[in-house]
C-alpha atoms as a PDB file:
ATOM      1  CA  MET A   1      -3.783  -1.423   9.956  1.00  0.00           C
ATOM      2  CA  HIS A   2      -2.171  -0.488  13.233  1.00  0.00           C
ATOM      3  CA  ARG A   3      -0.167   2.281  11.558  1.00  0.00           C
ATOM      4  CA  MET A   4      -3.291   3.708   9.965  1.00  0.00           C
ATOM      5  CA  ILE A   5      -5.031   3.829  13.331  1.00  0.00           C
ATOM      6  CA  LEU A   6      -2.178   5.336  15.335  1.00  0.00           C
ATOM      7  CA  ASP A   7      -0.720   7.653  12.672  1.00  0.00           C
ATOM      8  CA  TYR A   8       2.508   5.738  12.960  1.00  0.00           C
ATOM      9  CA  ASP A   9       4.987   7.763  10.936  1.00  0.00           C
ATOM     10  CA  SER A  10       8.202   5.856  10.416  1.00  0.00           C
ATOM     11  CA  ALA A  11      10.287   5.812   7.274  1.00  0.00           C
ATOM     12  CA  GLY A  12      11.132   2.144   7.791  1.00  0.00           C
ATOM     13  CA  ALA A  13      14.086   0.489   6.168  1.00  0.00           C
ATOM     14  CA  ASP A  14      15.943   2.100   3.306  1.00  0.00           C
ATOM     15  CA  PHE A  15      14.453   1.274  -0.053  1.00  0.00           C
ATOM     16  CA  PRO A  16      17.012  -0.319  -2.407  1.00  0.00           C
ATOM     17  CA  GLN A  17      18.095   1.412  -5.582  1.00  0.00           C
ATOM     18  CA  VAL A  18      17.695  -0.582  -8.785  1.00  0.00           C
ATOM     19  CA  GLU A  19      19.826  -1.012 -11.895  1.00  0.00           C
ATOM     20  CA  PRO A  20      19.706  -1.001 -14.877  1.00  0.00           C
ATOM     21  CA  ARG A  21      18.378   2.454 -15.611  1.00  0.00           C
ATOM     22  CA  ARG A  22      15.296   1.170 -17.495  1.00  0.00           C
ATOM     23  CA  ALA A  23      13.945  -1.241 -14.871  1.00  0.00           C
ATOM     24  CA  VAL A  24      10.366  -2.437 -14.525  1.00  0.00           C
ATOM     25  CA  LEU A  25       9.627  -2.929 -10.846  1.00  0.00           C
ATOM     26  CA  LEU A  26       7.018  -5.014  -9.046  1.00  0.00           C
ATOM     27  CA  ILE A  27       6.733  -3.815  -5.452  1.00  0.00           C
ATOM     28  CA  ALA A  28       4.425  -5.700  -3.070  1.00  0.00           C
ATOM     29  CA  SER A  29       3.476  -4.057   0.219  1.00  0.00           C
ATOM     30  CA  ASP A  30       0.571  -2.954   2.370  1.00  0.00           C
ATOM     31  CA  PHE A  31       1.694   0.632   1.572  1.00  0.00           C
ATOM     32  CA  TYR A  32       0.536   1.881   4.993  1.00  0.00           C
ATOM     33  CA  GLU A  33       3.477   4.189   5.414  1.00  0.00           C
ATOM     34  CA  PRO A  34       2.711   7.818   4.529  1.00  0.00           C
ATOM     35  CA  VAL A  35       2.456   8.576   0.812  1.00  0.00           C
ATOM     36  CA  GLU A  36       5.290  11.072   1.168  1.00  0.00           C
ATOM     37  CA  ILE A  37       7.641   8.226   2.169  1.00  0.00           C
ATOM     38  CA  TRP A  38       6.599   6.154  -0.865  1.00  0.00           C
ATOM     39  CA  LYS A  39       7.003   9.201  -3.081  1.00  0.00           C
ATOM     40  CA  LYS A  40      10.595   9.632  -1.838  1.00  0.00           C
ATOM     41  CA  ARG A  41      11.273   5.933  -2.423  1.00  0.00           C
ATOM     42  CA  LEU A  42       9.850   5.860  -5.941  1.00  0.00           C
ATOM     43  CA  GLU A  43      11.049   9.227  -7.292  1.00  0.00           C
ATOM     44  CA  PRO A  44      14.694   8.190  -7.840  1.00  0.00           C
ATOM     45  CA  HIS A  45      13.564   5.126  -9.787  1.00  0.00           C
ATOM     46  CA  ALA A  46      11.123   7.131 -11.877  1.00  0.00           C
ATOM     47  CA  ALA A  47      13.805   9.765 -12.549  1.00  0.00           C
ATOM     48  CA  ALA A  48      16.108   6.983 -13.776  1.00  0.00           C
ATOM     49  CA  GLY A  49      13.402   5.744 -16.163  1.00  0.00           C
ATOM     50  CA  ALA A  50      12.028   2.857 -14.101  1.00  0.00           C
ATOM     51  CA  ASP A  51       8.339   2.157 -13.831  1.00  0.00           C
ATOM     52  CA  GLY A  52       6.202  -0.825 -12.905  1.00  0.00           C
ATOM     53  CA  VAL A  53       3.483  -2.069 -10.598  1.00  0.00           C
ATOM     54  CA  LEU A  54       2.725  -1.462  -6.952  1.00  0.00           C
ATOM     55  CA  LEU A  55       0.889  -4.517  -5.614  1.00  0.00           C
ATOM     56  CA  ASN A  56      -1.166  -3.320  -2.646  1.00  0.00           C
ATOM     57  CA  VAL A  57      -1.801  -6.437  -0.532  1.00  0.00           C
ATOM     58  CA  SER A  58      -4.292  -6.423   2.336  1.00  0.00           C
ATOM     59  CA  ALA A  59      -6.211  -8.859   4.495  1.00  0.00           C
ATOM     60  CA  GLY A  60      -9.991  -8.833   4.589  1.00  0.00           C
ATOM     61  CA  MET A  61     -10.047  -7.546   8.154  1.00  0.00           C
ATOM     62  CA  GLU A  62      -7.884  -4.604   7.131  1.00  0.00           C
ATOM     63  CA  GLU A  63     -10.424  -3.726   4.458  1.00  0.00           C
ATOM     64  CA  ASP A  64     -13.637  -4.439   6.345  1.00  0.00           C
ATOM     65  CA  PHE A  65     -12.663  -3.434   9.895  1.00  0.00           C
ATOM     66  CA  PRO A  66     -15.054  -6.014  11.429  1.00  0.00           C
ATOM     67  CA  PHE A  67     -14.140  -5.148  15.008  1.00  0.00           C
ATOM     68  CA  SER A  68     -16.657  -4.192  17.656  1.00  0.00           C
ATOM     69  CA  GLY A  69     -16.635  -3.534  21.344  1.00  0.00           C
ATOM     70  CA  ARG A  70     -13.514  -2.964  23.377  1.00  0.00           C
ATOM     71  CA  THR A  71     -10.626  -3.816  21.045  1.00  0.00           C
ATOM     72  CA  ARG A  72      -6.880  -3.506  21.512  1.00  0.00           C
ATOM     73  CA  PHE A  73      -4.671  -3.117  18.436  1.00  0.00           C
ATOM     74  CA  GLU A  74      -0.981  -3.914  18.871  1.00  0.00           C
ATOM     75  CA  SER A  75       1.983  -3.490  16.596  1.00  0.00           C
ATOM     76  CA  PRO A  76       4.040  -6.587  15.816  1.00  0.00           C
ATOM     77  CA  GLY A  77       6.090  -7.237  18.919  1.00  0.00           C
ATOM     78  CA  GLY A  78       3.596  -5.287  21.035  1.00  0.00           C
ATOM     79  CA  LYS A  79       5.728  -2.142  21.361  1.00  0.00           C
ATOM     80  CA  THR A  80       2.792   0.183  20.692  1.00  0.00           C
ATOM     81  CA  SER A  81      -0.914  -0.326  21.115  1.00  0.00           C
ATOM     82  CA  ALA A  82      -4.264   1.438  20.940  1.00  0.00           C
ATOM     83  CA  LEU A  83      -7.375   0.549  22.889  1.00  0.00           C
ATOM     84  CA  LEU A  84     -10.723   1.461  21.359  1.00  0.00           C
ATOM     85  CA  GLY A  85     -13.724   1.420  23.672  1.00  0.00           C
ATOM     86  CA  ARG A  86     -16.222   0.784  20.869  1.00  0.00           C
ATOM     87  CA  ALA A  87     -14.298  -0.111  17.747  1.00  0.00           C
ATOM     88  CA  GLU A  88     -17.430  -0.241  15.591  1.00  0.00           C
ATOM     89  CA  LEU A  89     -17.814   3.539  16.002  1.00  0.00           C
ATOM     90  CA  MET A  90     -14.512   4.023  14.173  1.00  0.00           C
ATOM     91  CA  ARG A  91     -15.340   1.707  11.237  1.00  0.00           C
ATOM     92  CA  ASP A  92     -16.629   4.312   8.756  1.00  0.00           C
ATOM     93  CA  ALA A  93     -13.902   6.837   9.554  1.00  0.00           C
ATOM     94  CA  TYR A  94     -11.240   4.129   9.252  1.00  0.00           C
ATOM     95  CA  ARG A  95     -12.531   2.954   5.869  1.00  0.00           C
ATOM     96  CA  GLU A  96     -12.718   6.538   4.566  1.00  0.00           C
ATOM     97  CA  ARG A  97      -9.203   7.278   5.740  1.00  0.00           C
ATOM     98  CA  LEU A  98      -7.861   4.053   4.242  1.00  0.00           C
ATOM     99  CA  GLU A  99      -9.514   4.789   0.886  1.00  0.00           C
ATOM    100  CA  ALA A 100      -8.235   8.390   0.908  1.00  0.00           C
ATOM    101  CA  HIS A 101      -4.708   7.142   1.651  1.00  0.00           C
ATOM    102  CA  ARG A 102      -4.872   4.621  -1.183  1.00  0.00           C
ATOM    103  CA  ALA A 103      -6.316   7.145  -3.635  1.00  0.00           C
ATOM    104  CA  GLN A 104      -3.486   9.565  -2.829  1.00  0.00           C
ATOM    105  CA  LEU A 105      -0.903   6.778  -3.213  1.00  0.00           C
ATOM    106  CA  GLU A 106      -2.394   5.675  -6.539  1.00  0.00           C
ATOM    107  CA  GLN A 107      -2.435   9.245  -7.825  1.00  0.00           C
ATOM    108  CA  GLU A 108       1.203   9.807  -6.854  1.00  0.00           C
ATOM    109  CA  ALA A 109       2.248   6.422  -8.249  1.00  0.00           C
ATOM    110  CA  ALA A 110       0.532   7.165 -11.570  1.00  0.00           C
ATOM    111  CA  ARG A 111       2.269  10.538 -11.749  1.00  0.00           C
ATOM    112  CA  LEU A 112       5.581   8.692 -11.399  1.00  0.00           C
ATOM    113  CA  GLY A 113       4.657   6.074 -14.023  1.00  0.00           C
ATOM    114  CA  PHE A 114       3.607   3.226 -11.730  1.00  0.00           C
ATOM    115  CA  VAL A 115       0.354   1.264 -11.937  1.00  0.00           C
ATOM    116  CA  THR A 116      -1.273   0.225  -8.646  1.00  0.00           C
ATOM    117  CA  VAL A 117      -3.031  -3.135  -8.301  1.00  0.00           C
ATOM    118  CA  ARG A 118      -4.983  -4.048  -5.169  1.00  0.00           C
ATOM    119  CA  CYS A 119      -5.102  -7.620  -3.865  1.00  0.00           C
ATOM    120  CA  ARG A 120      -7.004  -8.970  -0.853  1.00  0.00           C
ATOM    121  CA  THR A 121      -5.629 -12.125   0.725  1.00  0.00           C
ATOM    122  CA  ASP A 122      -9.163 -13.445   1.252  1.00  0.00           C
ATOM    123  CA  HIS A 123     -10.024 -13.229  -2.470  1.00  0.00           C
ATOM    124  CA  PRO A 124      -8.674 -15.345  -5.334  1.00  0.00           C
ATOM    125  CA  ALA A 125      -5.417 -13.926  -6.664  1.00  0.00           C
ATOM    126  CA  GLY A 126      -6.368 -14.416 -10.326  1.00  0.00           C
ATOM    127  CA  HIS A 127      -7.745 -10.917 -10.875  1.00  0.00           C
ATOM    128  CA  ALA A 128      -4.697  -9.281  -9.327  1.00  0.00           C
ATOM    129  CA  LEU A 129      -2.349 -11.502 -11.329  1.00  0.00           C
ATOM    130  CA  ALA A 130      -4.184 -10.669 -14.550  1.00  0.00           C
ATOM    131  CA  ALA A 131      -3.981  -6.944 -13.734  1.00  0.00           C
ATOM    132  CA  ILE A 132      -0.245  -7.249 -13.018  1.00  0.00           C
ATOM    133  CA  ALA A 133       0.337  -9.156 -16.265  1.00  0.00           C
ATOM    134  CA  ALA A 134      -1.631  -6.547 -18.238  1.00  0.00           C
ATOM    135  CA  ALA A 135       0.255  -3.674 -16.621  1.00  0.00           C
ATOM    136  CA  LEU A 136       3.643  -5.284 -17.152  1.00  0.00           C
ATOM    137  CA  GLY A 137       2.693  -6.190 -20.732  1.00  0.00           C
ATOM    138  CA  SER A 138       1.712  -2.580 -21.335  1.00  0.00           C
ATOM    139  CA  LYS A 139       4.996  -1.345 -19.852  1.00  0.00           C
ATOM    140  CA  LYS A 140       6.950  -3.768 -22.077  1.00  0.00           C
ATOM    141  CA  ALA A 141       5.040  -2.590 -25.166  1.00  0.00           C
ATOM    142  CA  ASP A 142       5.697   1.050 -24.236  1.00  0.00           C
ATOM    143  CA  GLY A 143       9.374   0.650 -23.645  1.00  0.00           C
END
């Protein structure tokens, strides 16, 4: 969430390359890094014939943005922070930006042959697990 608020733009650690050439990947992340970074990470795998599922994991507070009043957001380790005077005034814009980011990620992932499944940590995991199983079953049947 902190990255989404501050426009943190870091490529992060290198993304590992996978063998064999026809791999089915399951990648779990919050996917907050810019879509362009995920595109660069996934393209080599897609070009080699890999596909799979992106499991987008988030906490309820990341989805709902329940904050109000003067709120400080800090990165892990506290190296960067943002102070919002009235956090509730940012709620709608934050949710719209988060949804736009996810929609763009899902569109790019689909173009590359990956299915995206969303999972909230404050909801039962059964629906996400069923969606993953269906997607992986579909990939197996296709390939």
